[in-house]
C-alpha atoms as a PDB file:
ATOM      1  CA  MET A   1      17.248  -0.182  26.346  1.00  0.00           C
ATOM      2  CA  ALA A   2      17.207  -3.357  24.461  1.00  0.00           C
ATOM      3  CA  GLU A   3      16.872  -6.746  26.604  1.00  0.00           C
ATOM      4  CA  ARG A   4      19.489  -9.817  26.098  1.00  0.00           C
ATOM      5  CA  ASN A   5      18.445 -13.176  25.719  1.00  0.00           C
ATOM      6  CA  ALA A   6      19.458 -15.369  29.002  1.00  0.00           C
ATOM      7  CA  THR A   7      20.643 -18.511  26.938  1.00  0.00           C
ATOM      8  CA  SER A   8      21.933 -16.763  23.673  1.00  0.00           C
ATOM      9  CA  GLY A   9      22.983 -13.474  24.724  1.00  0.00           C
ATOM     10  CA  GLN A  10      21.301 -12.241  21.490  1.00  0.00           C
ATOM     11  CA  ARG A  11      20.122  -8.367  21.889  1.00  0.00           C
ATOM     12  CA  LEU A  12      16.416  -8.056  21.548  1.00  0.00           C
ATOM     13  CA  SER A  13      14.238  -4.978  20.839  1.00  0.00           C
ATOM     14  CA  PRO A  14      11.658  -4.699  23.483  1.00  0.00           C
ATOM     15  CA  MET A  15       8.234  -4.284  22.316  1.00  0.00           C
ATOM     16  CA  GLY A  16       7.541  -1.196  20.775  1.00  0.00           C
ATOM     17  CA  GLU A  17      10.622   0.149  20.299  1.00  0.00           C
ATOM     18  CA  SER A  18      10.827   2.259  17.345  1.00  0.00           C
ATOM     19  CA  LEU A  19      13.050   4.511  15.059  1.00  0.00           C
ATOM     20  CA  GLY A  20      12.103   7.611  16.902  1.00  0.00           C
ATOM     21  CA  ASN A  21      12.566   8.782  20.247  1.00  0.00           C
ATOM     22  CA  HIS A  22      11.094   6.259  22.579  1.00  0.00           C
ATOM     23  CA  GLU A  23       9.544   9.246  24.683  1.00  0.00           C
ATOM     24  CA  GLN A  24       7.779  11.373  21.975  1.00  0.00           C
ATOM     25  CA  THR A  25       6.352  14.388  23.001  1.00  0.00           C
ATOM     26  CA  GLN A  26       3.038  15.644  22.623  1.00  0.00           C
ATOM     27  CA  HIS A  27       4.569  17.809  20.174  1.00  0.00           C
ATOM     28  CA  THR A  28       6.303  15.239  18.134  1.00  0.00           C
ATOM     29  CA  ARG A  29       3.234  13.019  17.904  1.00  0.00           C
ATOM     30  CA  GLY A  30       0.864  16.124  16.729  1.00  0.00           C
ATOM     31  CA  THR A  31       3.718  16.805  14.052  1.00  0.00           C
ATOM     32  CA  HIS A  32       3.232  13.112  12.785  1.00  0.00           C
ATOM     33  CA  THR A  33      -0.592  13.484  12.727  1.00  0.00           C
ATOM     34  CA  LEU A  34      -0.348  16.360  10.900  1.00  0.00           C
ATOM     35  CA  LEU A  35       1.735  15.121   8.215  1.00  0.00           C
ATOM     36  CA  ASN A  36      -0.428  12.079   8.059  1.00  0.00           C
ATOM     37  CA  VAL A  37      -3.941  14.317   7.602  1.00  0.00           C
ATOM     38  CA  LEU A  38      -2.060  16.706   4.836  1.00  0.00           C
ATOM     39  CA  GLY A  39      -0.879  13.649   3.032  1.00  0.00           C
ATOM     40  CA  ALA A  40      -4.360  12.236   2.860  1.00  0.00           C
ATOM     41  CA  LEU A  41      -5.699  15.220   1.811  1.00  0.00           C
ATOM     42  CA  VAL A  42      -3.243  15.746  -0.975  1.00  0.00           C
ATOM     43  CA  ILE A  43      -3.753  12.760  -2.487  1.00  0.00           C
ATOM     44  CA  ALA A  44      -7.795  13.017  -2.193  1.00  0.00           C
ATOM     45  CA  GLY A  45      -7.379  16.610  -3.263  1.00  0.00           C
ATOM     46  CA  THR A  46      -4.993  15.189  -6.559  1.00  0.00           C
ATOM     47  CA  TYR A  47      -7.438  12.596  -7.018  1.00  0.00           C
ATOM     48  CA  LEU A  48     -10.488  14.827  -7.266  1.00  0.00           C
ATOM     49  CA  PHE A  49      -8.533  17.526  -9.431  1.00  0.00           C
ATOM     50  CA  THR A  50      -7.435  15.049 -11.785  1.00  0.00           C
ATOM     51  CA  VAL A  51     -11.290  13.448 -12.214  1.00  0.00           C
ATOM     52  CA  LEU A  52     -12.492  16.855 -12.431  1.00  0.00           C
ATOM     53  CA  SER A  53     -10.029  18.272 -14.830  1.00  0.00           C
ATOM     54  CA  ALA A  54     -10.319  15.453 -17.556  1.00  0.00           C
ATOM     55  CA  GLY A  55     -14.006  16.198 -17.403  1.00  0.00           C
ATOM     56  CA  GLY A  56     -15.460  12.727 -16.894  1.00  0.00           C
ATOM     57  CA  GLY A  57     -14.569  11.293 -20.376  1.00  0.00           C
ATOM     58  CA  ALA A  58     -12.040  13.040 -21.745  1.00  0.00           C
ATOM     59  CA  GLU A  59      -8.787  11.200 -22.064  1.00  0.00           C
ATOM     60  CA  ASP A  60      -6.472  14.609 -21.764  1.00  0.00           C
ATOM     61  CA  MET A  61      -2.735  13.481 -20.809  1.00  0.00           C
ATOM     62  CA  THR A  62      -2.203  17.280 -19.887  1.00  0.00           C
ATOM     63  CA  VAL A  63      -3.120  15.907 -16.308  1.00  0.00           C
ATOM     64  CA  SER A  64      -0.478  13.575 -15.697  1.00  0.00           C
ATOM     65  CA  LEU A  65       2.067  15.759 -14.575  1.00  0.00           C
ATOM     66  CA  PRO A  66      -0.105  17.245 -11.542  1.00  0.00           C
ATOM     67  CA  LEU A  67      -1.306  13.578 -10.976  1.00  0.00           C
ATOM     68  CA  VAL A  68       2.079  12.422 -10.587  1.00  0.00           C
ATOM     69  CA  SER A  69       3.586  15.037  -8.518  1.00  0.00           C
ATOM     70  CA  GLY A  70       0.699  15.116  -6.035  1.00  0.00           C
ATOM     71  CA  TYR A  71       0.488  11.614  -5.434  1.00  0.00           C
ATOM     72  CA  ALA A  72       4.339  11.653  -5.067  1.00  0.00           C
ATOM     73  CA  VAL A  73       3.928  14.502  -2.612  1.00  0.00           C
ATOM     74  CA  GLY A  74       1.017  12.931  -0.743  1.00  0.00           C
ATOM     75  CA  ALA A  75       3.056   9.548  -0.364  1.00  0.00           C
ATOM     76  CA  ILE A  76       5.889  11.527   1.139  1.00  0.00           C
ATOM     77  CA  LEU A  77       4.059  13.336   3.874  1.00  0.00           C
ATOM     78  CA  LEU A  78       2.496   9.778   4.932  1.00  0.00           C
ATOM     79  CA  LEU A  79       6.228   8.495   4.668  1.00  0.00           C
ATOM     80  CA  LEU A  80       7.249  11.245   6.801  1.00  0.00           C
ATOM     81  CA  GLY A  81       4.470  11.340   9.335  1.00  0.00           C
ATOM     82  CA  ASN A  82       5.161   7.151  10.093  1.00  0.00           C
ATOM     83  CA  LEU A  83       9.063   6.907   9.686  1.00  0.00           C
ATOM     84  CA  GLN A  84       9.627   7.151  13.366  1.00  0.00           C
ATOM     85  CA  ARG A  85       6.931   5.113  14.451  1.00  0.00           C
ATOM     86  CA  ILE A  86       8.281   2.000  12.605  1.00  0.00           C
ATOM     87  CA  PRO A  87       8.989  -0.535  15.376  1.00  0.00           C
ATOM     88  CA  LEU A  88      12.893  -1.425  14.982  1.00  0.00           C
ATOM     89  CA  SER A  89      12.220  -5.375  15.339  1.00  0.00           C
ATOM     90  CA  ALA A  90      10.000  -4.884  11.713  1.00  0.00           C
ATOM     91  CA  VAL A  91      13.007  -3.511   9.658  1.00  0.00           C
ATOM     92  CA  ALA A  92      14.618  -6.288   9.150  1.00  0.00           C
ATOM     93  CA  LEU A  93      11.324  -7.863   7.787  1.00  0.00           C
ATOM     94  CA  ILE A  94      10.927  -4.833   5.166  1.00  0.00           C
ATOM     95  CA  PRO A  95      13.747  -5.819   2.417  1.00  0.00           C
ATOM     96  CA  PHE A  96      12.191  -9.284   2.074  1.00  0.00           C
ATOM     97  CA  ALA A  97       8.545  -8.411   2.035  1.00  0.00           C
ATOM     98  CA  VAL A  98       9.817  -5.784  -0.675  1.00  0.00           C
ATOM     99  CA  ALA A  99      11.534  -8.397  -2.392  1.00  0.00           C
ATOM    100  CA  PHE A 100       8.477 -10.544  -2.571  1.00  0.00           C
ATOM    101  CA  ASN A 101       6.197  -7.941  -3.561  1.00  0.00           C
ATOM    102  CA  ILE A 102       8.439  -7.314  -6.361  1.00  0.00           C
ATOM    103  CA  VAL A 103       8.828 -10.893  -7.347  1.00  0.00           C
ATOM    104  CA  LEU A 104       5.105 -12.072  -7.308  1.00  0.00           C
ATOM    105  CA  GLY A 105       3.929  -9.140  -9.099  1.00  0.00           C
ATOM    106  CA  GLN A 106       6.356  -9.524 -11.604  1.00  0.00           C
ATOM    107  CA  ILE A 107       4.975 -13.041 -12.156  1.00  0.00           C
ATOM    108  CA  VAL A 108       1.379 -12.142 -11.864  1.00  0.00           C
ATOM    109  CA  GLY A 109       1.817  -9.115 -14.246  1.00  0.00           C
ATOM    110  CA  PHE A 110       2.838 -11.330 -16.964  1.00  0.00           C
ATOM    111  CA  SER A 111       0.290 -14.083 -16.601  1.00  0.00           C
ATOM    112  CA  GLY A 112      -2.725 -12.422 -17.865  1.00  0.00           C
ATOM    113  CA  ILE A 113      -4.707 -12.520 -14.816  1.00  0.00           C
ATOM    114  CA  PRO A 114      -6.427  -9.230 -14.120  1.00  0.00           C
ATOM    115  CA  LEU A 115      -4.992  -9.059 -10.692  1.00  0.00           C
ATOM    116  CA  TYR A 116      -1.548  -7.758  -9.111  1.00  0.00           C
ATOM    117  CA  LEU A 117      -0.901  -9.636  -5.733  1.00  0.00           C
ATOM    118  CA  ASP A 118       1.900  -7.429  -5.420  1.00  0.00           C
ATOM    119  CA  SER A 119       0.743  -6.181  -1.935  1.00  0.00           C
ATOM    120  CA  ILE A 120       0.458  -9.086   0.143  1.00  0.00           C
ATOM    121  CA  ALA A 121       3.923  -8.766   2.088  1.00  0.00           C
ATOM    122  CA  THR A 122       3.117  -5.026   2.724  1.00  0.00           C
ATOM    123  CA  ILE A 123      -0.036  -6.065   4.077  1.00  0.00           C
ATOM    124  CA  LEU A 124       1.365  -8.773   6.271  1.00  0.00           C
ATOM    125  CA  VAL A 125       4.061  -6.206   7.491  1.00  0.00           C
ATOM    126  CA  GLY A 126       1.252  -3.694   7.967  1.00  0.00           C
ATOM    127  CA  TYR A 127      -1.015  -6.056  10.246  1.00  0.00           C
ATOM    128  CA  LEU A 128       2.114  -7.416  11.926  1.00  0.00           C
ATOM    129  CA  ALA A 129       3.724  -3.976  12.662  1.00  0.00           C
ATOM    130  CA  GLY A 130       1.491  -1.245  12.489  1.00  0.00           C
ATOM    131  CA  PRO A 131       0.407   1.254   9.878  1.00  0.00           C
ATOM    132  CA  ALA A 132       3.765   3.343   9.504  1.00  0.00           C
ATOM    133  CA  ALA A 133       5.607  -0.149   8.713  1.00  0.00           C
ATOM    134  CA  GLY A 134       3.128  -0.759   6.122  1.00  0.00           C
ATOM    135  CA  VAL A 135       3.588   2.622   4.484  1.00  0.00           C
ATOM    136  CA  LEU A 136       7.269   2.222   4.312  1.00  0.00           C
ATOM    137  CA  THR A 137       7.105  -1.012   2.923  1.00  0.00           C
ATOM    138  CA  GLY A 138       4.322  -0.208   0.293  1.00  0.00           C
ATOM    139  CA  VAL A 139       6.449   2.855  -1.002  1.00  0.00           C
ATOM    140  CA  VAL A 140       9.992   1.288  -0.871  1.00  0.00           C
ATOM    141  CA  THR A 141       8.315  -1.529  -2.615  1.00  0.00           C
ATOM    142  CA  ASN A 142       7.130   0.395  -5.737  1.00  0.00           C
ATOM    143  CA  LEU A 143      10.356   2.561  -5.589  1.00  0.00           C
ATOM    144  CA  ALA A 144      12.689  -0.209  -5.851  1.00  0.00           C
ATOM    145  CA  TRP A 145      10.623  -2.136  -8.244  1.00  0.00           C
ATOM    146  CA  GLY A 146      10.183   0.905 -10.539  1.00  0.00           C
ATOM    147  CA  LEU A 147      14.202   1.835 -10.102  1.00  0.00           C
ATOM    148  CA  THR A 148      15.117  -1.726 -11.303  1.00  0.00           C
ATOM    149  CA  ILE A 149      12.327  -3.273 -13.359  1.00  0.00           C
ATOM    150  CA  ASN A 150       9.271  -1.420 -13.967  1.00  0.00           C
ATOM    151  CA  PRO A 151       9.384   2.194 -14.036  1.00  0.00           C
ATOM    152  CA  THR A 152       5.524   2.205 -14.347  1.00  0.00           C
ATOM    153  CA  THR A 153       5.331   1.190 -10.730  1.00  0.00           C
ATOM    154  CA  ILE A 154       6.579   4.704  -9.375  1.00  0.00           C
ATOM    155  CA  PRO A 155       3.315   6.409  -9.836  1.00  0.00           C
ATOM    156  CA  PHE A 156       1.246   4.079  -7.835  1.00  0.00           C
ATOM    157  CA  ALA A 157       3.469   4.558  -4.833  1.00  0.00           C
ATOM    158  CA  ALA A 158       0.631   6.829  -2.965  1.00  0.00           C
ATOM    159  CA  GLY A 159      -1.529   3.638  -3.782  1.00  0.00           C
ATOM    160  CA  ALA A 160       1.108   1.388  -2.138  1.00  0.00           C
ATOM    161  CA  ALA A 161       1.354   4.025   0.853  1.00  0.00           C
ATOM    162  CA  VAL A 162      -2.452   4.152   1.750  1.00  0.00           C
ATOM    163  CA  ILE A 163      -2.689   0.170   1.467  1.00  0.00           C
ATOM    164  CA  GLY A 164      -0.154  -0.294   4.153  1.00  0.00           C
ATOM    165  CA  VAL A 165      -1.783   2.482   6.055  1.00  0.00           C
ATOM    166  CA  LEU A 166      -5.349   0.563   6.073  1.00  0.00           C
ATOM    167  CA  ALA A 167      -3.548  -2.884   6.228  1.00  0.00           C
ATOM    168  CA  GLY A 168      -1.816  -1.579   9.488  1.00  0.00           C
ATOM    169  CA  ILE A 169      -5.428  -0.121  10.862  1.00  0.00           C
ATOM    170  CA  ALA A 170      -7.265  -3.223  10.002  1.00  0.00           C
ATOM    171  CA  GLY A 171      -4.366  -4.978  12.177  1.00  0.00           C
ATOM    172  CA  GLN A 172      -5.150  -2.889  14.621  1.00  0.00           C
ATOM    173  CA  HIS A 173      -8.786  -3.201  15.059  1.00  0.00           C
ATOM    174  CA  ARG A 174      -8.154  -7.030  14.441  1.00  0.00           C
ATOM    175  CA  LEU A 175      -9.611  -7.528  11.553  1.00  0.00           C
ATOM    176  CA  LEU A 176      -7.063 -10.090  10.387  1.00  0.00           C
ATOM    177  CA  GLU A 177      -8.063 -12.116  13.269  1.00  0.00           C
ATOM    178  CA  ARG A 178     -11.226 -13.761  11.291  1.00  0.00           C
ATOM    179  CA  TRP A 179     -11.206 -14.895   7.649  1.00  0.00           C
ATOM    180  CA  TRP A 180     -14.456 -13.162   7.177  1.00  0.00           C
ATOM    181  CA  THR A 181     -13.511  -9.753   8.789  1.00  0.00           C
ATOM    182  CA  ALA A 182     -10.124 -10.203   6.720  1.00  0.00           C
ATOM    183  CA  LEU A 183     -12.474 -10.553   3.394  1.00  0.00           C
ATOM    184  CA  LEU A 184     -14.313  -7.393   4.081  1.00  0.00           C
ATOM    185  CA  ALA A 185     -11.025  -5.516   5.076  1.00  0.00           C
ATOM    186  CA  GLY A 186      -9.192  -6.251   1.989  1.00  0.00           C
ATOM    187  CA  PHE A 187     -12.361  -5.544  -0.213  1.00  0.00           C
ATOM    188  CA  GLY A 188     -12.992  -2.384   1.288  1.00  0.00           C
ATOM    189  CA  THR A 189      -9.019  -1.537   0.786  1.00  0.00           C
ATOM    190  CA  GLY A 190      -9.420  -2.938  -2.882  1.00  0.00           C
ATOM    191  CA  ILE A 191     -11.802   0.217  -3.463  1.00  0.00           C
ATOM    192  CA  VAL A 192      -9.779   2.997  -1.782  1.00  0.00           C
ATOM    193  CA  ALA A 193      -6.803   1.392  -3.917  1.00  0.00           C
ATOM    194  CA  GLY A 194      -8.837   1.289  -7.413  1.00  0.00           C
ATOM    195  CA  PHE A 195     -10.133   4.788  -7.362  1.00  0.00           C
ATOM    196  CA  LEU A 196      -6.667   6.142  -6.380  1.00  0.00           C
ATOM    197  CA  GLY A 197      -4.588   3.840  -9.194  1.00  0.00           C
ATOM    198  CA  ALA A 198      -7.405   4.350 -11.850  1.00  0.00           C
ATOM    199  CA  PRO A 199      -6.364   7.955 -13.037  1.00  0.00           C
ATOM    200  CA  VAL A 200      -2.801   6.978 -12.967  1.00  0.00           C
ATOM    201  CA  ALA A 201      -3.310   4.201 -15.290  1.00  0.00           C
ATOM    202  CA  ALA A 202      -5.376   6.052 -17.559  1.00  0.00           C
ATOM    203  CA  PHE A 203      -3.419   9.130 -17.904  1.00  0.00           C
ATOM    204  CA  VAL A 204       0.164   8.495 -17.304  1.00  0.00           C
ATOM    205  CA  PHE A 205      -0.189   5.059 -18.642  1.00  0.00           C
ATOM    206  CA  GLY A 206      -2.914   4.826 -21.394  1.00  0.00           C
ATOM    207  CA  GLY A 207      -4.676   1.816 -19.633  1.00  0.00           C
ATOM    208  CA  GLY A 208      -4.388  -1.254 -17.099  1.00  0.00           C
ATOM    209  CA  GLN A 209      -0.692  -2.345 -15.761  1.00  0.00           C
ATOM    210  CA  GLY A 210      -0.247  -5.867 -16.701  1.00  0.00           C
ATOM    211  CA  VAL A 211      -1.337  -8.451 -19.461  1.00  0.00           C
ATOM    212  CA  GLY A 212      -4.342  -9.047 -17.949  1.00  0.00           C
ATOM    213  CA  THR A 213      -5.622  -5.203 -16.790  1.00  0.00           C
ATOM    214  CA  GLY A 214      -4.795  -3.830 -19.693  1.00  0.00           C
ATOM    215  CA  SER A 215      -6.830  -6.311 -21.863  1.00  0.00           C
ATOM    216  CA  LEU A 216      -9.730  -5.951 -19.589  1.00  0.00           C
ATOM    217  CA  VAL A 217      -9.395  -1.653 -19.944  1.00  0.00           C
ATOM    218  CA  ALA A 218      -9.130  -2.199 -24.119  1.00  0.00           C
ATOM    219  CA  VAL A 219     -12.573  -4.628 -23.689  1.00  0.00           C
ATOM    220  CA  LEU A 220     -14.174  -2.063 -21.619  1.00  0.00           C
ATOM    221  CA  GLN A 221     -13.335   0.982 -23.764  1.00  0.00           C
ATOM    222  CA  ALA A 222     -14.283  -1.214 -26.970  1.00  0.00           C
ATOM    223  CA  THR A 223     -17.924  -1.170 -24.855  1.00  0.00           C
ATOM    224  CA  GLY A 224     -18.232   2.694 -25.292  1.00  0.00           C
ATOM    225  CA  GLN A 225     -16.332   3.878 -22.045  1.00  0.00           C
ATOM    226  CA  SER A 226     -13.925   6.673 -21.890  1.00  0.00           C
ATOM    227  CA  LEU A 227     -10.206   5.625 -20.791  1.00  0.00           C
ATOM    228  CA  LEU A 228     -10.726   7.167 -17.379  1.00  0.00           C
ATOM    229  CA  GLY A 229     -14.172   5.284 -17.070  1.00  0.00           C
ATOM    230  CA  ALA A 230     -12.688   1.976 -18.640  1.00  0.00           C
ATOM    231  CA  ALA A 231      -9.821   2.177 -15.951  1.00  0.00           C
ATOM    232  CA  THR A 232     -11.783   2.934 -13.265  1.00  0.00           C
ATOM    233  CA  LEU A 233     -14.308  -0.014 -13.938  1.00  0.00           C
ATOM    234  CA  GLN A 234     -11.693  -2.308 -14.354  1.00  0.00           C
ATOM    235  CA  SER A 235      -9.814  -1.213 -10.880  1.00  0.00           C
ATOM    236  CA  LEU A 236     -13.132  -1.679  -9.505  1.00  0.00           C
ATOM    237  CA  LEU A 237     -13.379  -5.103 -10.462  1.00  0.00           C
ATOM    238  CA  SER A 238      -9.683  -6.037  -9.933  1.00  0.00           C
ATOM    239  CA  ASP A 239      -8.595  -4.077  -7.032  1.00  0.00           C
ATOM    240  CA  PRO A 240     -11.552  -5.550  -4.495  1.00  0.00           C
ATOM    241  CA  LEU A 241     -10.885  -8.827  -5.592  1.00  0.00           C
ATOM    242  CA  ASP A 242      -7.001  -8.748  -5.138  1.00  0.00           C
ATOM    243  CA  LYS A 243      -7.149  -6.897  -1.975  1.00  0.00           C
ATOM    244  CA  ALA A 244      -9.594  -9.407  -0.470  1.00  0.00           C
ATOM    245  CA  ILE A 245      -7.411 -12.578  -1.595  1.00  0.00           C
ATOM    246  CA  ALA A 246      -4.323 -10.674  -0.274  1.00  0.00           C
ATOM    247  CA  PHE A 247      -5.914 -10.111   2.903  1.00  0.00           C
ATOM    248  CA  LEU A 248      -7.229 -13.845   3.288  1.00  0.00           C
ATOM    249  CA  LEU A 249      -3.599 -14.993   2.327  1.00  0.00           C
ATOM    250  CA  VAL A 250      -2.190 -12.851   5.196  1.00  0.00           C
ATOM    251  CA  TRP A 251      -4.927 -14.024   7.553  1.00  0.00           C
ATOM    252  CA  ALA A 252      -3.852 -17.564   6.750  1.00  0.00           C
ATOM    253  CA  VAL A 253      -0.074 -17.022   7.530  1.00  0.00           C
ATOM    254  CA  ALA A 254      -0.770 -14.757  10.215  1.00  0.00           C
ATOM    255  CA  LYS A 255      -2.281 -18.232  11.795  1.00  0.00           C
ATOM    256  CA  THR A 256       1.121 -20.067  11.850  1.00  0.00           C
ATOM    257  CA  ILE A 257       2.951 -17.276  13.510  1.00  0.00           C
ATOM    258  CA  PRO A 258       3.643 -17.744  16.907  1.00  0.00           C
ATOM    259  CA  GLN A 259       2.347 -14.909  19.048  1.00  0.00           C
ATOM    260  CA  ARG A 260       5.374 -14.022  20.738  1.00  0.00           C
ATOM    261  CA  VAL A 261       6.808 -12.997  17.622  1.00  0.00           C
ATOM    262  CA  LYS A 262       3.643 -10.859  16.956  1.00  0.00           C
ATOM    263  CA  ASN A 263       3.870  -9.090  20.181  1.00  0.00           C
ATOM    264  CA  GLN A 264       7.879  -8.397  19.512  1.00  0.00           C
ATOM    265  CA  LEU A 265       6.599  -6.658  15.919  1.00  0.00           C
ATOM    266  CA  LYS A 266       3.647  -4.619  17.674  1.00  0.00           C
ATOM    267  CA  THR A 267       4.003  -1.036  17.923  1.00  0.00           C
ATOM    268  CA  ARG A 268       3.195   0.528  21.442  1.00  0.00           C
END
């Protein structure tokens, strides 16, 4: 039962209260774990299928449909596997986090900088409230962004979900408590996100997204790289730096958040 503030009478969600049943059975937890594993396997399998089908250097656009479909199924499985684990106290943060991601992502996308910075709020929510909240923030960001302003963001929802998961795991292991571990966690997250996003950029949209990233892909292609090779190199140049900066910013912001607020948002 939710507690009531003694001075204001406001009802507060107890630490760890989630959208699902308070007393999850072993069967339910097993189902959630299975959905998460299946989601990760579908995303990884889709990536491998796409790269192998493209033949390394082939610029074959026929792989775009199974790529988008596979990533979408993987993102949905991750979302279903985590939805009931989201703490109620974090739900109110997610719309603001989504709006922040979209606004900053739009600004950076048209700036000419070969970065994204559209996952800072996803990382913050994942750090504060766990992987489940990170997944929901990432997926909703890309869907809302795509349905309202920029449709090209929708196929990247699987990558956004993975970023949310990794941010939540980093938070659980206290990797965002120190600036240098935050940088390392961001760099590693960027490598994973870069590999996942490169095939989408190459085979769905024909290059990088945004003025800066698209220009970098074009430059790399001019050196003789295939479309997939150029998109992958661009992603591995941009994403690790982008996520390292984002994680470092989250570390700085987190230092200003009172511990009682962090405790209220943490999952059990």
